[in-house]
């Protein structure tokens, strides 16, 4: 199993074991996406359709912006045995827009 982490509804990490290291600075822990720290988990979530890539148009800058949206089943995802070789569990935390992973 991988270490514990917490993500929000867009896949950004709220907490990750790397954030607890003495070398962690505000710049290293802000706006970090799951795809940066847990690439195999992110790829599996995308493949399963739980992490969905979307886009919108920023009218002020007249360009497209891409973002992710987490769409898990109510009982979460148990991928301790999957084809990616990356065992993990991801569960919604009730009454929040965050998910606990391990």
PDB file of N, CA and C in Angstrom:
ATOM      1  N   UNK A   1       0.825  -1.184   0.000  1.00  0.00           N
ATOM      2  CA  UNK A   1       0.000   0.000   0.000  1.00  0.00           C
ATOM      3  C   UNK A   1       0.874   1.253   0.000  1.00  0.00           C
ATOM      4  N   UNK A   2       0.354   2.273  -0.619  1.00  0.00           N
ATOM      5  CA  UNK A   2       1.019   3.562  -0.614  1.00  0.00           C
ATOM      6  C   UNK A   2       0.712   4.265   0.698  1.00  0.00           C
ATOM      7  N   UNK A   3       1.379   5.383   0.966  1.00  0.00           N
ATOM      8  CA  UNK A   3       1.120   6.147   2.174  1.00  0.00           C
ATOM      9  C   UNK A   3      -0.232   6.842   2.099  1.00  0.00           C
ATOM     10  N   UNK A   4      -0.604   7.486   3.177  1.00  0.00           N
ATOM     11  CA  UNK A   4      -1.880   8.193   3.229  1.00  0.00           C
ATOM     12  C   UNK A   4      -1.782   9.538   2.520  1.00  0.00           C
ATOM     13  N   UNK A   5      -2.904   9.936   1.941  1.00  0.00           N
ATOM     14  CA  UNK A   5      -3.012  11.246   1.311  1.00  0.00           C
ATOM     15  C   UNK A   5      -4.468  11.670   1.335  1.00  0.00           C
ATOM     16  N   UNK A   6      -4.693  12.965   1.174  1.00  0.00           N
ATOM     17  CA  UNK A   6      -6.043  13.518   1.111  1.00  0.00           C
ATOM     18  C   UNK A   6      -6.095  14.424  -0.103  1.00  0.00           C
ATOM     19  N   UNK A   7      -7.153  14.258  -0.935  1.00  0.00           N
ATOM     20  CA  UNK A   7      -7.330  15.107  -2.113  1.00  0.00           C
ATOM     21  C   UNK A   7      -8.677  15.812  -2.037  1.00  0.00           C
ATOM     22  N   UNK A   8      -8.790  16.910  -2.773  1.00  0.00           N
ATOM     23  CA  UNK A   8     -10.067  17.603  -2.849  1.00  0.00           C
ATOM     24  C   UNK A   8     -10.834  17.149  -4.091  1.00  0.00           C
ATOM     25  N   UNK A   9     -11.956  17.781  -4.364  1.00  0.00           N
ATOM     26  CA  UNK A   9     -12.832  17.401  -5.468  1.00  0.00           C
ATOM     27  C   UNK A   9     -12.212  17.587  -6.856  1.00  0.00           C
ATOM     28  N   UNK A  10     -11.094  18.280  -6.934  1.00  0.00           N
ATOM     29  CA  UNK A  10     -10.413  18.488  -8.212  1.00  0.00           C
ATOM     30  C   UNK A  10      -9.124  17.677  -8.320  1.00  0.00           C
ATOM     31  N   UNK A  11      -8.813  16.889  -7.294  1.00  0.00           N
ATOM     32  CA  UNK A  11      -7.616  16.055  -7.326  1.00  0.00           C
ATOM     33  C   UNK A  11      -6.384  16.717  -6.755  1.00  0.00           C
ATOM     34  N   UNK A  12      -6.529  17.920  -6.180  1.00  0.00           N
ATOM     35  CA  UNK A  12      -5.380  18.572  -5.565  1.00  0.00           C
ATOM     36  C   UNK A  12      -5.149  17.993  -4.175  1.00  0.00           C
ATOM     37  N   UNK A  13      -3.892  17.787  -3.853  1.00  0.00           N
ATOM     38  CA  UNK A  13      -3.541  17.207  -2.559  1.00  0.00           C
ATOM     39  C   UNK A  13      -3.692  18.242  -1.448  1.00  0.00           C
ATOM     40  N   UNK A  14      -4.420  17.847  -0.427  1.00  0.00           N
ATOM     41  CA  UNK A  14      -4.546  18.653   0.776  1.00  0.00           C
ATOM     42  C   UNK A  14      -3.468  18.216   1.755  1.00  0.00           C
ATOM     43  N   UNK A  15      -3.219  16.906   1.776  1.00  0.00           N
ATOM     44  CA  UNK A  15      -2.177  16.350   2.640  1.00  0.00           C
ATOM     45  C   UNK A  15      -1.534  15.169   1.922  1.00  0.00           C
ATOM     46  N   UNK A  16      -0.241  15.056   2.087  1.00  0.00           N
ATOM     47  CA  UNK A  16       0.538  13.957   1.514  1.00  0.00           C
ATOM     48  C   UNK A  16       1.713  13.725   2.451  1.00  0.00           C
ATOM     49  N   UNK A  17       2.165  12.502   2.535  1.00  0.00           N
ATOM     50  CA  UNK A  17       3.284  12.206   3.447  1.00  0.00           C
ATOM     51  C   UNK A  17       4.518  13.046   3.140  1.00  0.00           C
ATOM     52  N   UNK A  18       4.740  13.408   1.887  1.00  0.00           N
ATOM     53  CA  UNK A  18       5.883  14.250   1.527  1.00  0.00           C
ATOM     54  C   UNK A  18       5.779  15.651   2.142  1.00  0.00           C
ATOM     55  N   UNK A  19       4.564  16.095   2.421  1.00  0.00           N
ATOM     56  CA  UNK A  19       4.375  17.432   2.988  1.00  0.00           C
ATOM     57  C   UNK A  19       4.888  17.509   4.426  1.00  0.00           C
ATOM     58  N   UNK A  20       5.115  16.356   5.050  1.00  0.00           N
ATOM     59  CA  UNK A  20       5.575  16.311   6.435  1.00  0.00           C
ATOM     60  C   UNK A  20       7.101  16.343   6.549  1.00  0.00           C
ATOM     61  N   UNK A  21       7.793  16.259   5.435  1.00  0.00           N
ATOM     62  CA  UNK A  21       9.255  16.261   5.446  1.00  0.00           C
ATOM     63  C   UNK A  21       9.788  17.644   5.801  1.00  0.00           C
ATOM     64  N   UNK A  22      10.934  17.687   6.421  1.00  0.00           N
ATOM     65  CA  UNK A  22      11.516  18.967   6.835  1.00  0.00           C
ATOM     66  C   UNK A  22      11.847  19.861   5.642  1.00  0.00           C
ATOM     67  N   UNK A  23      12.037  19.279   4.473  1.00  0.00           N
ATOM     68  CA  UNK A  23      12.360  20.066   3.280  1.00  0.00           C
ATOM     69  C   UNK A  23      11.120  20.685   2.625  1.00  0.00           C
ATOM     70  N   UNK A  24       9.924  20.348   3.126  1.00  0.00           N
ATOM     71  CA  UNK A  24       8.687  20.869   2.537  1.00  0.00           C
ATOM     72  C   UNK A  24       8.551  22.363   2.834  1.00  0.00           C
ATOM     73  N   UNK A  25       8.307  23.124   1.783  1.00  0.00           N
ATOM     74  CA  UNK A  25       8.065  24.559   1.920  1.00  0.00           C
ATOM     75  C   UNK A  25       6.682  24.854   1.375  1.00  0.00           C
ATOM     76  N   UNK A  26       6.174  26.035   1.638  1.00  0.00           N
ATOM     77  CA  UNK A  26       4.848  26.412   1.143  1.00  0.00           C
ATOM     78  C   UNK A  26       4.781  26.248  -0.375  1.00  0.00           C
ATOM     79  N   UNK A  27       5.830  26.629  -1.069  1.00  0.00           N
ATOM     80  CA  UNK A  27       5.849  26.523  -2.532  1.00  0.00           C
ATOM     81  C   UNK A  27       5.775  25.069  -3.000  1.00  0.00           C
ATOM     82  N   UNK A  28       6.284  24.132  -2.185  1.00  0.00           N
ATOM     83  CA  UNK A  28       6.292  22.720  -2.571  1.00  0.00           C
ATOM     84  C   UNK A  28       5.004  21.990  -2.215  1.00  0.00           C
ATOM     85  N   UNK A  29       4.164  22.580  -1.375  1.00  0.00           N
ATOM     86  CA  UNK A  29       2.949  21.877  -0.950  1.00  0.00           C
ATOM     87  C   UNK A  29       1.660  22.538  -1.435  1.00  0.00           C
ATOM     88  N   UNK A  30       1.741  23.715  -2.031  1.00  0.00           N
ATOM     89  CA  UNK A  30       0.553  24.384  -2.531  1.00  0.00           C
ATOM     90  C   UNK A  30       0.294  24.023  -3.990  1.00  0.00           C
ATOM     91  N   UNK A  31      -0.959  23.774  -4.319  1.00  0.00           N
ATOM     92  CA  UNK A  31      -1.399  23.498  -5.686  1.00  0.00           C
ATOM     93  C   UNK A  31      -0.693  22.286  -6.294  1.00  0.00           C
ATOM     94  N   UNK A  32      -0.548  21.228  -5.503  1.00  0.00           N
ATOM     95  CA  UNK A  32       0.072  19.996  -5.980  1.00  0.00           C
ATOM     96  C   UNK A  32      -1.048  19.015  -6.320  1.00  0.00           C
ATOM     97  N   UNK A  33      -1.064  18.549  -7.536  1.00  0.00           N
ATOM     98  CA  UNK A  33      -2.110  17.628  -7.995  1.00  0.00           C
ATOM     99  C   UNK A  33      -1.688  16.187  -7.747  1.00  0.00           C
ATOM    100  N   UNK A  34      -2.667  15.314  -7.558  1.00  0.00           N
ATOM    101  CA  UNK A  34      -2.374  13.890  -7.335  1.00  0.00           C
ATOM    102  C   UNK A  34      -1.542  13.311  -8.473  1.00  0.00           C
ATOM    103  N   UNK A  35      -1.732  13.816  -9.672  1.00  0.00           N
ATOM    104  CA  UNK A  35      -0.972  13.315 -10.827  1.00  0.00           C
ATOM    105  C   UNK A  35       0.517  13.633 -10.716  1.00  0.00           C
ATOM    106  N   UNK A  36       0.894  14.561  -9.851  1.00  0.00           N
ATOM    107  CA  UNK A  36       2.296  14.893  -9.657  1.00  0.00           C
ATOM    108  C   UNK A  36       2.964  13.994  -8.618  1.00  0.00           C
ATOM    109  N   UNK A  37       2.239  13.619  -7.574  1.00  0.00           N
ATOM    110  CA  UNK A  37       2.822  12.844  -6.477  1.00  0.00           C
ATOM    111  C   UNK A  37       2.488  11.355  -6.550  1.00  0.00           C
ATOM    112  N   UNK A  38       1.333  11.018  -7.064  1.00  0.00           N
ATOM    113  CA  UNK A  38       0.883   9.618  -7.128  1.00  0.00           C
ATOM    114  C   UNK A  38       0.415   9.323  -8.557  1.00  0.00           C
ATOM    115  N   UNK A  39       1.364   9.329  -9.464  1.00  0.00           N
ATOM    116  CA  UNK A  39       1.057   9.223 -10.889  1.00  0.00           C
ATOM    117  C   UNK A  39       0.282   7.951 -11.238  1.00  0.00           C
ATOM    118  N   UNK A  40       0.686   6.807 -10.694  1.00  0.00           N
ATOM    119  CA  UNK A  40       0.002   5.552 -11.025  1.00  0.00           C
ATOM    120  C   UNK A  40      -1.436   5.547 -10.520  1.00  0.00           C
ATOM    121  N   UNK A  41      -1.657   6.096  -9.338  1.00  0.00           N
ATOM    122  CA  UNK A  41      -3.017   6.177  -8.814  1.00  0.00           C
ATOM    123  C   UNK A  41      -3.849   7.095  -9.698  1.00  0.00           C
ATOM    124  N   UNK A  42      -3.309   8.244 -10.062  1.00  0.00           N
ATOM    125  CA  UNK A  42      -4.024   9.188 -10.930  1.00  0.00           C
ATOM    126  C   UNK A  42      -4.361   8.536 -12.271  1.00  0.00           C
ATOM    127  N   UNK A  43      -3.410   7.831 -12.856  1.00  0.00           N
ATOM    128  CA  UNK A  43      -3.661   7.158 -14.142  1.00  0.00           C
ATOM    129  C   UNK A  43      -4.768   6.116 -14.013  1.00  0.00           C
ATOM    130  N   UNK A  44      -4.767   5.367 -12.908  1.00  0.00           N
ATOM    131  CA  UNK A  44      -5.805   4.366 -12.702  1.00  0.00           C
ATOM    132  C   UNK A  44      -7.167   5.035 -12.507  1.00  0.00           C
ATOM    133  N   UNK A  45      -7.215   6.119 -11.757  1.00  0.00           N
ATOM    134  CA  UNK A  45      -8.478   6.842 -11.563  1.00  0.00           C
ATOM    135  C   UNK A  45      -9.007   7.403 -12.878  1.00  0.00           C
ATOM    136  N   UNK A  46      -8.116   7.885 -13.726  1.00  0.00           N
ATOM    137  CA  UNK A  46      -8.523   8.400 -15.044  1.00  0.00           C
ATOM    138  C   UNK A  46      -9.050   7.259 -15.901  1.00  0.00           C
ATOM    139  N   UNK A  47      -8.327   6.135 -15.929  1.00  0.00           N
ATOM    140  CA  UNK A  47      -8.745   4.970 -16.715  1.00  0.00           C
ATOM    141  C   UNK A  47     -10.116   4.475 -16.284  1.00  0.00           C
ATOM    142  N   UNK A  48     -10.372   4.484 -14.982  1.00  0.00           N
ATOM    143  CA  UNK A  48     -11.652   4.001 -14.452  1.00  0.00           C
ATOM    144  C   UNK A  48     -12.771   5.033 -14.563  1.00  0.00           C
ATOM    145  N   UNK A  49     -12.442   6.240 -14.973  1.00  0.00           N
ATOM    146  CA  UNK A  49     -13.447   7.288 -15.125  1.00  0.00           C
ATOM    147  C   UNK A  49     -13.810   8.004 -13.835  1.00  0.00           C
ATOM    148  N   UNK A  50     -12.953   7.911 -12.812  1.00  0.00           N
ATOM    149  CA  UNK A  50     -13.211   8.570 -11.538  1.00  0.00           C
ATOM    150  C   UNK A  50     -12.530   9.931 -11.435  1.00  0.00           C
ATOM    151  N   UNK A  51     -11.493  10.143 -12.209  1.00  0.00           N
ATOM    152  CA  UNK A  51     -10.805  11.427 -12.288  1.00  0.00           C
ATOM    153  C   UNK A  51     -10.977  11.885 -13.731  1.00  0.00           C
ATOM    154  N   UNK A  52     -11.833  12.872 -13.911  1.00  0.00           N
ATOM    155  CA  UNK A  52     -12.266  13.258 -15.259  1.00  0.00           C
ATOM    156  C   UNK A  52     -11.630  14.587 -15.648  1.00  0.00           C
ATOM    157  N   UNK A  53     -10.967  14.583 -16.801  1.00  0.00           N
ATOM    158  CA  UNK A  53     -10.346  15.804 -17.313  1.00  0.00           C
ATOM    159  C   UNK A  53     -11.414  16.618 -18.037  1.00  0.00           C
ATOM    160  N   UNK A  54     -11.522  17.886 -17.682  1.00  0.00           N
ATOM    161  CA  UNK A  54     -12.495  18.785 -18.301  1.00  0.00           C
ATOM    162  C   UNK A  54     -11.781  20.042 -18.760  1.00  0.00           C
ATOM    163  N   UNK A  55     -12.501  20.854 -19.517  1.00  0.00           N
ATOM    164  CA  UNK A  55     -11.911  22.122 -19.933  1.00  0.00           C
ATOM    165  C   UNK A  55     -12.992  23.193 -20.007  1.00  0.00           C
ATOM    166  N   UNK A  56     -12.551  24.420 -19.859  1.00  0.00           N
ATOM    167  CA  UNK A  56     -13.439  25.560 -19.995  1.00  0.00           C
ATOM    168  C   UNK A  56     -12.656  26.675 -20.684  1.00  0.00           C
ATOM    169  N   UNK A  57     -13.344  27.699 -21.070  1.00  0.00           N
ATOM    170  CA  UNK A  57     -12.688  28.818 -21.747  1.00  0.00           C
ATOM    171  C   UNK A  57     -12.584  29.998 -20.778  1.00  0.00           C
ATOM    172  N   UNK A  58     -11.374  30.504 -20.630  1.00  0.00           N
ATOM    173  CA  UNK A  58     -11.134  31.693 -19.829  1.00  0.00           C
ATOM    174  C   UNK A  58     -11.324  32.886 -20.765  1.00  0.00           C
ATOM    175  N   UNK A  59     -12.422  33.609 -20.613  1.00  0.00           N
ATOM    176  CA  UNK A  59     -12.749  34.698 -21.534  1.00  0.00           C
ATOM    177  C   UNK A  59     -11.814  35.893 -21.396  1.00  0.00           C
ATOM    178  N   UNK A  60     -11.274  36.110 -20.202  1.00  0.00           N
ATOM    179  CA  UNK A  60     -10.350  37.229 -20.005  1.00  0.00           C
ATOM    180  C   UNK A  60      -9.040  37.007 -20.751  1.00  0.00           C
ATOM    181  N   UNK A  61      -8.556  35.781 -20.752  1.00  0.00           N
ATOM    182  CA  UNK A  61      -7.291  35.478 -21.417  1.00  0.00           C
ATOM    183  C   UNK A  61      -7.508  34.814 -22.771  1.00  0.00           C
ATOM    184  N   UNK A  62      -8.741  34.619 -23.156  1.00  0.00           N
ATOM    185  CA  UNK A  62      -9.146  33.961 -24.408  1.00  0.00           C
ATOM    186  C   UNK A  62      -8.355  32.682 -24.704  1.00  0.00           C
ATOM    187  N   UNK A  63      -8.323  31.821 -23.701  1.00  0.00           N
ATOM    188  CA  UNK A  63      -7.687  30.534 -23.905  1.00  0.00           C
ATOM    189  C   UNK A  63      -8.435  29.466 -23.108  1.00  0.00           C
ATOM    190  N   UNK A  64      -8.215  28.225 -23.501  1.00  0.00           N
ATOM    191  CA  UNK A  64      -8.834  27.112 -22.798  1.00  0.00           C
ATOM    192  C   UNK A  64      -8.052  26.796 -21.538  1.00  0.00           C
ATOM    193  N   UNK A  65      -8.781  26.428 -20.492  1.00  0.00           N
ATOM    194  CA  UNK A  65      -8.155  25.969 -19.263  1.00  0.00           C
ATOM    195  C   UNK A  65      -8.621  24.543 -19.008  1.00  0.00           C
ATOM    196  N   UNK A  66      -7.714  23.719 -18.557  1.00  0.00           N
ATOM    197  CA  UNK A  66      -8.043  22.330 -18.254  1.00  0.00           C
ATOM    198  C   UNK A  66      -8.028  22.122 -16.753  1.00  0.00           C
ATOM    199  N   UNK A  67      -8.928  21.243 -16.303  1.00  0.00           N
ATOM    200  CA  UNK A  67      -9.004  20.935 -14.886  1.00  0.00           C
ATOM    201  C   UNK A  67      -9.552  19.526 -14.725  1.00  0.00           C
ATOM    202  N   UNK A  68      -9.423  18.985 -13.551  1.00  0.00           N
ATOM    203  CA  UNK A  68      -9.935  17.649 -13.255  1.00  0.00           C
ATOM    204  C   UNK A  68     -11.096  17.747 -12.279  1.00  0.00           C
ATOM    205  N   UNK A  69     -11.952  16.733 -12.332  1.00  0.00           N
ATOM    206  CA  UNK A  69     -13.055  16.611 -11.392  1.00  0.00           C
ATOM    207  C   UNK A  69     -13.099  15.172 -10.900  1.00  0.00           C
ATOM    208  N   UNK A  70     -13.154  15.002  -9.584  1.00  0.00           N
ATOM    209  CA  UNK A  70     -13.235  13.671  -8.994  1.00  0.00           C
ATOM    210  C   UNK A  70     -14.703  13.278  -8.922  1.00  0.00           C
ATOM    211  N   UNK A  71     -15.017  12.082  -9.408  1.00  0.00           N
ATOM    212  CA  UNK A  71     -16.390  11.583  -9.413  1.00  0.00           C
ATOM    213  C   UNK A  71     -16.367  10.126  -8.957  1.00  0.00           C
ATOM    214  N   UNK A  72     -16.335   9.931  -7.637  1.00  0.00           N
ATOM    215  CA  UNK A  72     -16.255   8.584  -7.064  1.00  0.00           C
ATOM    216  C   UNK A  72     -17.637   8.057  -6.714  1.00  0.00           C
ATOM    217  N   UNK A  73     -17.773   6.722  -6.688  1.00  0.00           N
ATOM    218  CA  UNK A  73     -19.000   6.149  -6.143  1.00  0.00           C
ATOM    219  C   UNK A  73     -19.102   6.492  -4.653  1.00  0.00           C
ATOM    220  N   UNK A  74     -20.305   6.444  -4.105  1.00  0.00           N
ATOM    221  CA  UNK A  74     -20.508   6.798  -2.695  1.00  0.00           C
ATOM    222  C   UNK A  74     -19.688   5.949  -1.739  1.00  0.00           C
ATOM    223  N   UNK A  75     -19.429   4.702  -2.123  1.00  0.00           N
ATOM    224  CA  UNK A  75     -18.643   3.820  -1.252  1.00  0.00           C
ATOM    225  C   UNK A  75     -17.143   3.896  -1.541  1.00  0.00           C
ATOM    226  N   UNK A  76     -16.719   4.801  -2.410  1.00  0.00           N
ATOM    227  CA  UNK A  76     -15.308   4.979  -2.704  1.00  0.00           C
ATOM    228  C   UNK A  76     -14.768   3.969  -3.702  1.00  0.00           C
ATOM    229  N   UNK A  77     -13.457   3.868  -3.762  1.00  0.00           N
ATOM    230  CA  UNK A  77     -12.766   2.975  -4.695  1.00  0.00           C
ATOM    231  C   UNK A  77     -11.819   2.086  -3.898  1.00  0.00           C
ATOM    232  N   UNK A  78     -11.951   0.789  -4.090  1.00  0.00           N
ATOM    233  CA  UNK A  78     -11.040  -0.163  -3.472  1.00  0.00           C
ATOM    234  C   UNK A  78     -10.255  -0.818  -4.599  1.00  0.00           C
ATOM    235  N   UNK A  79      -9.058  -0.366  -4.804  1.00  0.00           N
ATOM    236  CA  UNK A  79      -8.232  -0.865  -5.904  1.00  0.00           C
ATOM    237  C   UNK A  79      -6.991  -1.539  -5.357  1.00  0.00           C
ATOM    238  N   UNK A  80      -7.190  -2.339  -4.314  1.00  0.00           N
ATOM    239  CA  UNK A  80      -6.042  -3.047  -3.745  1.00  0.00           C
ATOM    240  C   UNK A  80      -5.516  -4.084  -4.719  1.00  0.00           C
ATOM    241  N   UNK A  81      -6.374  -4.550  -5.609  1.00  0.00           N
ATOM    242  CA  UNK A  81      -5.949  -5.465  -6.668  1.00  0.00           C
ATOM    243  C   UNK A  81      -6.408  -4.868  -7.992  1.00  0.00           C
ATOM    244  N   UNK A  82      -5.480  -4.328  -8.747  1.00  0.00           N
ATOM    245  CA  UNK A  82      -5.829  -3.768 -10.051  1.00  0.00           C
ATOM    246  C   UNK A  82      -4.685  -3.977 -11.028  1.00  0.00           C
ATOM    247  N   UNK A  83      -4.950  -3.704 -12.282  1.00  0.00           N
ATOM    248  CA  UNK A  83      -3.981  -3.962 -13.353  1.00  0.00           C
ATOM    249  C   UNK A  83      -2.773  -3.030 -13.332  1.00  0.00           C
ATOM    250  N   UNK A  84      -2.865  -1.898 -12.630  1.00  0.00           N
ATOM    251  CA  UNK A  84      -1.753  -0.942 -12.649  1.00  0.00           C
ATOM    252  C   UNK A  84      -0.614  -1.334 -11.711  1.00  0.00           C
ATOM    253  N   UNK A  85      -0.847  -2.337 -10.850  1.00  0.00           N
ATOM    254  CA  UNK A  85       0.180  -2.735  -9.894  1.00  0.00           C
ATOM    255  C   UNK A  85       0.349  -1.714  -8.785  1.00  0.00           C
ATOM    256  N   UNK A  86      -0.634  -0.874  -8.610  1.00  0.00           N
ATOM    257  CA  UNK A  86      -0.585   0.188  -7.618  1.00  0.00           C
ATOM    258  C   UNK A  86      -1.799   0.056  -6.695  1.00  0.00           C
ATOM    259  N   UNK A  87      -1.672  -0.691  -5.606  1.00  0.00           N
ATOM    260  CA  UNK A  87      -2.825  -0.885  -4.721  1.00  0.00           C
ATOM    261  C   UNK A  87      -3.145   0.383  -3.921  1.00  0.00           C
ATOM    262  N   UNK A  88      -4.420   0.712  -3.857  1.00  0.00           N
ATOM    263  CA  UNK A  88      -4.843   1.877  -3.081  1.00  0.00           C
ATOM    264  C   UNK A  88      -6.329   1.783  -2.772  1.00  0.00           C
ATOM    265  N   UNK A  89      -6.755   2.573  -1.819  1.00  0.00           N
ATOM    266  CA  UNK A  89      -8.164   2.774  -1.507  1.00  0.00           C
ATOM    267  C   UNK A  89      -8.399   4.277  -1.476  1.00  0.00           C
ATOM    268  N   UNK A  90      -9.572   4.698  -1.904  1.00  0.00           N
ATOM    269  CA  UNK A  90      -9.929   6.115  -1.880  1.00  0.00           C
ATOM    270  C   UNK A  90     -11.378   6.215  -1.427  1.00  0.00           C
ATOM    271  N   UNK A  91     -11.591   6.912  -0.317  1.00  0.00           N
ATOM    272  CA  UNK A  91     -12.915   6.990   0.292  1.00  0.00           C
ATOM    273  C   UNK A  91     -13.346   8.433   0.478  1.00  0.00           C
ATOM    274  N   UNK A  92     -14.623   8.733   0.196  1.00  0.00           N
ATOM    275  CA  UNK A  92     -15.113  10.088   0.456  1.00  0.00           C
ATOM    276  C   UNK A  92     -15.254  10.314   1.958  1.00  0.00           C
ATOM    277  N   UNK A  93     -14.942  11.520   2.396  1.00  0.00           N
ATOM    278  CA  UNK A  93     -15.129  11.892   3.797  1.00  0.00           C
ATOM    279  C   UNK A  93     -16.480  12.598   3.881  1.00  0.00           C
ATOM    280  N   UNK A  94     -17.384  12.054   4.662  1.00  0.00           N
ATOM    281  CA  UNK A  94     -18.764  12.548   4.674  1.00  0.00           C
ATOM    282  C   UNK A  94     -18.845  14.039   5.004  1.00  0.00           C
ATOM    283  N   UNK A  95     -19.787  14.678   4.341  1.00  0.00           N
ATOM    284  CA  UNK A  95     -20.093  16.105   4.516  1.00  0.00           C
ATOM    285  C   UNK A  95     -18.941  17.027   4.140  1.00  0.00           C
ATOM    286  N   UNK A  96     -18.052  16.545   3.244  1.00  0.00           N
ATOM    287  CA  UNK A  96     -16.945  17.364   2.744  1.00  0.00           C
ATOM    288  C   UNK A  96     -16.799  17.119   1.245  1.00  0.00           C
ATOM    289  N   UNK A  97     -15.887  17.854   0.629  1.00  0.00           N
ATOM    290  CA  UNK A  97     -15.558  17.622  -0.775  1.00  0.00           C
ATOM    291  C   UNK A  97     -14.151  17.030  -0.893  1.00  0.00           C
ATOM    292  N   UNK A  98     -13.730  16.275   0.134  1.00  0.00           N
ATOM    293  CA  UNK A  98     -12.403  15.670   0.124  1.00  0.00           C
ATOM    294  C   UNK A  98     -12.482  14.151   0.232  1.00  0.00           C
ATOM    295  N   UNK A  99     -11.381  13.522  -0.155  1.00  0.00           N
ATOM    296  CA  UNK A  99     -11.283  12.068  -0.209  1.00  0.00           C
ATOM    297  C   UNK A  99     -10.004  11.632   0.481  1.00  0.00           C
ATOM    298  N   UNK A 100     -10.116  10.588   1.284  1.00  0.00           N
ATOM    299  CA  UNK A 100      -8.981  10.038   1.995  1.00  0.00           C
ATOM    300  C   UNK A 100      -8.452   8.840   1.221  1.00  0.00           C
ATOM    301  N   UNK A 101      -7.169   8.840   0.942  1.00  0.00           N
ATOM    302  CA  UNK A 101      -6.550   7.750   0.191  1.00  0.00           C
ATOM    303  C   UNK A 101      -5.434   7.102   0.965  1.00  0.00           C
ATOM    304  N   UNK A 102      -5.198   5.839   0.659  1.00  0.00           N
ATOM    305  CA  UNK A 102      -4.052   5.116   1.224  1.00  0.00           C
ATOM    306  C   UNK A 102      -3.662   4.004   0.294  1.00  0.00           C
TER     307      UNK A 102
END
